[in-house]
């Protein structure tokens, strides 16, 4: 079973930055590389939403609410997907998850909590 481990979250002030990482352990390079990956988030009382995606060829796409502030990237040799988050806002507060795109229901990890507050 695929195991996704997210890290890098924390408490940050508005305007600050964080870099999230997601490692796809138990996955070999040849399986990881062709997959389109995404970062998702779920705020308290809200449904999970797609934040950003990256194709196997490195083409990226973002939700309008993070465009110009967040950058998704990947390192296939490390089986890792990253989310660089800049100019964070209180409304970015959520648990952040990575998963394939479209998401696989049995692959959700624990996520990493991001809290933006002064």
C-alpha atoms as a PDB file:
ATOM      1  CA  UNK A   1       0.000   0.000   0.000  1.00  0.00           C
ATOM      2  CA  UNK A   2       1.231   3.463  -0.851  1.00  0.00           C
ATOM      3  CA  UNK A   3       2.415   5.444   2.153  1.00  0.00           C
ATOM      4  CA  UNK A   4       2.627   9.223   1.899  1.00  0.00           C
ATOM      5  CA  UNK A   5       4.441  11.144   4.628  1.00  0.00           C
ATOM      6  CA  UNK A   6       3.971  14.907   4.753  1.00  0.00           C
ATOM      7  CA  UNK A   7       6.171  17.250   6.790  1.00  0.00           C
ATOM      8  CA  UNK A   8       7.230  20.863   7.086  1.00  0.00           C
ATOM      9  CA  UNK A   9       4.145  22.440   8.578  1.00  0.00           C
ATOM     10  CA  UNK A  10       4.096  24.695  11.600  1.00  0.00           C
ATOM     11  CA  UNK A  11       3.024  28.014  13.037  1.00  0.00           C
ATOM     12  CA  UNK A  12       3.978  31.058  10.984  1.00  0.00           C
ATOM     13  CA  UNK A  13       3.033  34.719  11.035  1.00  0.00           C
ATOM     14  CA  UNK A  14       1.072  36.288   8.180  1.00  0.00           C
ATOM     15  CA  UNK A  15       3.430  37.048   5.325  1.00  0.00           C
ATOM     16  CA  UNK A  16       5.761  34.234   6.285  1.00  0.00           C
ATOM     17  CA  UNK A  17       6.887  31.160   4.360  1.00  0.00           C
ATOM     18  CA  UNK A  18       6.960  27.409   4.778  1.00  0.00           C
ATOM     19  CA  UNK A  19       8.147  24.547   2.599  1.00  0.00           C
ATOM     20  CA  UNK A  20       6.201  21.316   2.760  1.00  0.00           C
ATOM     21  CA  UNK A  21       7.552  17.945   1.694  1.00  0.00           C
ATOM     22  CA  UNK A  22       5.801  14.701   0.867  1.00  0.00           C
ATOM     23  CA  UNK A  23       7.708  11.454   0.528  1.00  0.00           C
ATOM     24  CA  UNK A  24       6.120   8.501  -1.206  1.00  0.00           C
ATOM     25  CA  UNK A  25       7.738   5.710   0.731  1.00  0.00           C
ATOM     26  CA  UNK A  26       7.210   2.156  -0.437  1.00  0.00           C
ATOM     27  CA  UNK A  27       7.110   3.447  -4.007  1.00  0.00           C
ATOM     28  CA  UNK A  28       9.864   2.831  -6.504  1.00  0.00           C
ATOM     29  CA  UNK A  29      11.136   5.495  -8.885  1.00  0.00           C
ATOM     30  CA  UNK A  30       9.607   3.945 -11.992  1.00  0.00           C
ATOM     31  CA  UNK A  31       6.185   4.052 -10.368  1.00  0.00           C
ATOM     32  CA  UNK A  32       6.517   7.526  -8.845  1.00  0.00           C
ATOM     33  CA  UNK A  33       7.828   9.362 -11.890  1.00  0.00           C
ATOM     34  CA  UNK A  34       4.851   9.001 -14.275  1.00  0.00           C
ATOM     35  CA  UNK A  35       2.273  10.044 -11.688  1.00  0.00           C
ATOM     36  CA  UNK A  36       0.621  13.443 -11.548  1.00  0.00           C
ATOM     37  CA  UNK A  37       0.806  14.621  -7.939  1.00  0.00           C
ATOM     38  CA  UNK A  38      -1.170  17.177  -6.015  1.00  0.00           C
ATOM     39  CA  UNK A  39      -1.224  19.056  -2.753  1.00  0.00           C
ATOM     40  CA  UNK A  40      -4.564  19.329  -1.020  1.00  0.00           C
ATOM     41  CA  UNK A  41      -5.710  21.067   2.126  1.00  0.00           C
ATOM     42  CA  UNK A  42      -8.579  20.880   4.564  1.00  0.00           C
ATOM     43  CA  UNK A  43      -9.459  23.725   6.876  1.00  0.00           C
ATOM     44  CA  UNK A  44     -11.619  23.212   9.987  1.00  0.00           C
ATOM     45  CA  UNK A  45     -15.251  22.806   9.036  1.00  0.00           C
ATOM     46  CA  UNK A  46     -14.515  22.812   5.314  1.00  0.00           C
ATOM     47  CA  UNK A  47     -14.133  20.182   2.643  1.00  0.00           C
ATOM     48  CA  UNK A  48     -10.754  19.145   1.355  1.00  0.00           C
ATOM     49  CA  UNK A  49      -9.663  21.199  -1.660  1.00  0.00           C
ATOM     50  CA  UNK A  50      -7.019  20.855  -4.328  1.00  0.00           C
ATOM     51  CA  UNK A  51      -4.243  23.422  -3.972  1.00  0.00           C
ATOM     52  CA  UNK A  52      -1.757  22.602  -6.710  1.00  0.00           C
ATOM     53  CA  UNK A  53      -0.798  19.853  -9.133  1.00  0.00           C
ATOM     54  CA  UNK A  54       2.296  18.842 -11.059  1.00  0.00           C
ATOM     55  CA  UNK A  55       2.455  16.473 -14.009  1.00  0.00           C
ATOM     56  CA  UNK A  56       5.164  13.956 -14.758  1.00  0.00           C
ATOM     57  CA  UNK A  57       6.641  16.508 -17.134  1.00  0.00           C
ATOM     58  CA  UNK A  58       6.675  19.268 -14.561  1.00  0.00           C
ATOM     59  CA  UNK A  59       3.662  21.230 -15.753  1.00  0.00           C
ATOM     60  CA  UNK A  60       2.023  22.916 -12.782  1.00  0.00           C
ATOM     61  CA  UNK A  61      -1.435  24.200 -12.013  1.00  0.00           C
ATOM     62  CA  UNK A  62      -2.742  26.141  -9.027  1.00  0.00           C
ATOM     63  CA  UNK A  63      -5.947  27.107  -7.361  1.00  0.00           C
ATOM     64  CA  UNK A  64      -6.730  30.773  -7.860  1.00  0.00           C
ATOM     65  CA  UNK A  65      -6.446  31.316  -4.120  1.00  0.00           C
ATOM     66  CA  UNK A  66      -2.697  30.468  -4.122  1.00  0.00           C
ATOM     67  CA  UNK A  67      -1.532  31.595  -7.536  1.00  0.00           C
ATOM     68  CA  UNK A  68       1.608  33.672  -7.337  1.00  0.00           C
ATOM     69  CA  UNK A  69       2.252  32.639  -3.731  1.00  0.00           C
ATOM     70  CA  UNK A  70       2.728  28.854  -3.791  1.00  0.00           C
ATOM     71  CA  UNK A  71       5.039  26.723  -5.934  1.00  0.00           C
ATOM     72  CA  UNK A  72       4.775  22.964  -6.361  1.00  0.00           C
ATOM     73  CA  UNK A  73       7.794  20.945  -7.444  1.00  0.00           C
ATOM     74  CA  UNK A  74       8.976  17.357  -7.471  1.00  0.00           C
ATOM     75  CA  UNK A  75      12.158  15.329  -7.225  1.00  0.00           C
ATOM     76  CA  UNK A  76      11.546  11.951  -8.790  1.00  0.00           C
ATOM     77  CA  UNK A  77      14.826  10.432  -7.617  1.00  0.00           C
ATOM     78  CA  UNK A  78      13.824  11.220  -4.037  1.00  0.00           C
ATOM     79  CA  UNK A  79      10.174  10.293  -4.629  1.00  0.00           C
ATOM     80  CA  UNK A  80       9.280  13.629  -3.080  1.00  0.00           C
ATOM     81  CA  UNK A  81       6.821  16.403  -3.872  1.00  0.00           C
ATOM     82  CA  UNK A  82       7.296  19.884  -2.427  1.00  0.00           C
ATOM     83  CA  UNK A  83       5.078  22.888  -1.809  1.00  0.00           C
ATOM     84  CA  UNK A  84       6.815  26.205  -1.274  1.00  0.00           C
ATOM     85  CA  UNK A  85       4.361  28.586   0.366  1.00  0.00           C
ATOM     86  CA  UNK A  86       5.129  32.288   0.486  1.00  0.00           C
ATOM     87  CA  UNK A  87       3.160  35.312   1.635  1.00  0.00           C
ATOM     88  CA  UNK A  88       1.016  33.103   3.820  1.00  0.00           C
ATOM     89  CA  UNK A  89      -2.368  34.356   4.954  1.00  0.00           C
ATOM     90  CA  UNK A  90      -4.542  33.339   7.916  1.00  0.00           C
ATOM     91  CA  UNK A  91      -6.965  31.717   5.460  1.00  0.00           C
ATOM     92  CA  UNK A  92      -4.193  29.317   4.416  1.00  0.00           C
ATOM     93  CA  UNK A  93      -4.515  27.660   7.823  1.00  0.00           C
ATOM     94  CA  UNK A  94      -5.327  23.991   7.206  1.00  0.00           C
ATOM     95  CA  UNK A  95      -3.988  20.474   7.259  1.00  0.00           C
ATOM     96  CA  UNK A  96      -2.053  19.932   4.039  1.00  0.00           C
ATOM     97  CA  UNK A  97      -1.907  16.575   2.287  1.00  0.00           C
ATOM     98  CA  UNK A  98      -0.338  15.215  -0.846  1.00  0.00           C
ATOM     99  CA  UNK A  99      -1.855  12.553  -3.053  1.00  0.00           C
ATOM    100  CA  UNK A 100      -2.036  11.580  -6.655  1.00  0.00           C
ATOM    101  CA  UNK A 101      -4.266  13.598  -8.955  1.00  0.00           C
ATOM    102  CA  UNK A 102      -6.956  12.435  -9.065  1.00  0.00           C
ATOM    103  CA  UNK A 103      -6.631  11.467  -5.422  1.00  0.00           C
ATOM    104  CA  UNK A 104      -6.608   7.844  -4.397  1.00  0.00           C
ATOM    105  CA  UNK A 105      -8.920   7.325  -1.427  1.00  0.00           C
ATOM    106  CA  UNK A 106      -6.727   4.709   0.216  1.00  0.00           C
ATOM    107  CA  UNK A 107      -3.544   6.820  -0.020  1.00  0.00           C
ATOM    108  CA  UNK A 108      -4.208   9.743   2.311  1.00  0.00           C
ATOM    109  CA  UNK A 109      -1.464  10.283   4.864  1.00  0.00           C
ATOM    110  CA  UNK A 110      -1.599  12.100   8.186  1.00  0.00           C
ATOM    111  CA  UNK A 111      -1.025  15.479   6.614  1.00  0.00           C
ATOM    112  CA  UNK A 112       0.904  18.371   8.092  1.00  0.00           C
ATOM    113  CA  UNK A 113      -0.708  21.224  10.000  1.00  0.00           C
ATOM    114  CA  UNK A 114      -0.104  24.765   8.770  1.00  0.00           C
ATOM    115  CA  UNK A 115      -1.249  27.571  11.049  1.00  0.00           C
ATOM    116  CA  UNK A 116      -0.934  31.185   9.984  1.00  0.00           C
ATOM    117  CA  UNK A 117      -1.487  33.509  12.881  1.00  0.00           C
ATOM    118  CA  UNK A 118       0.035  36.510  14.579  1.00  0.00           C
END
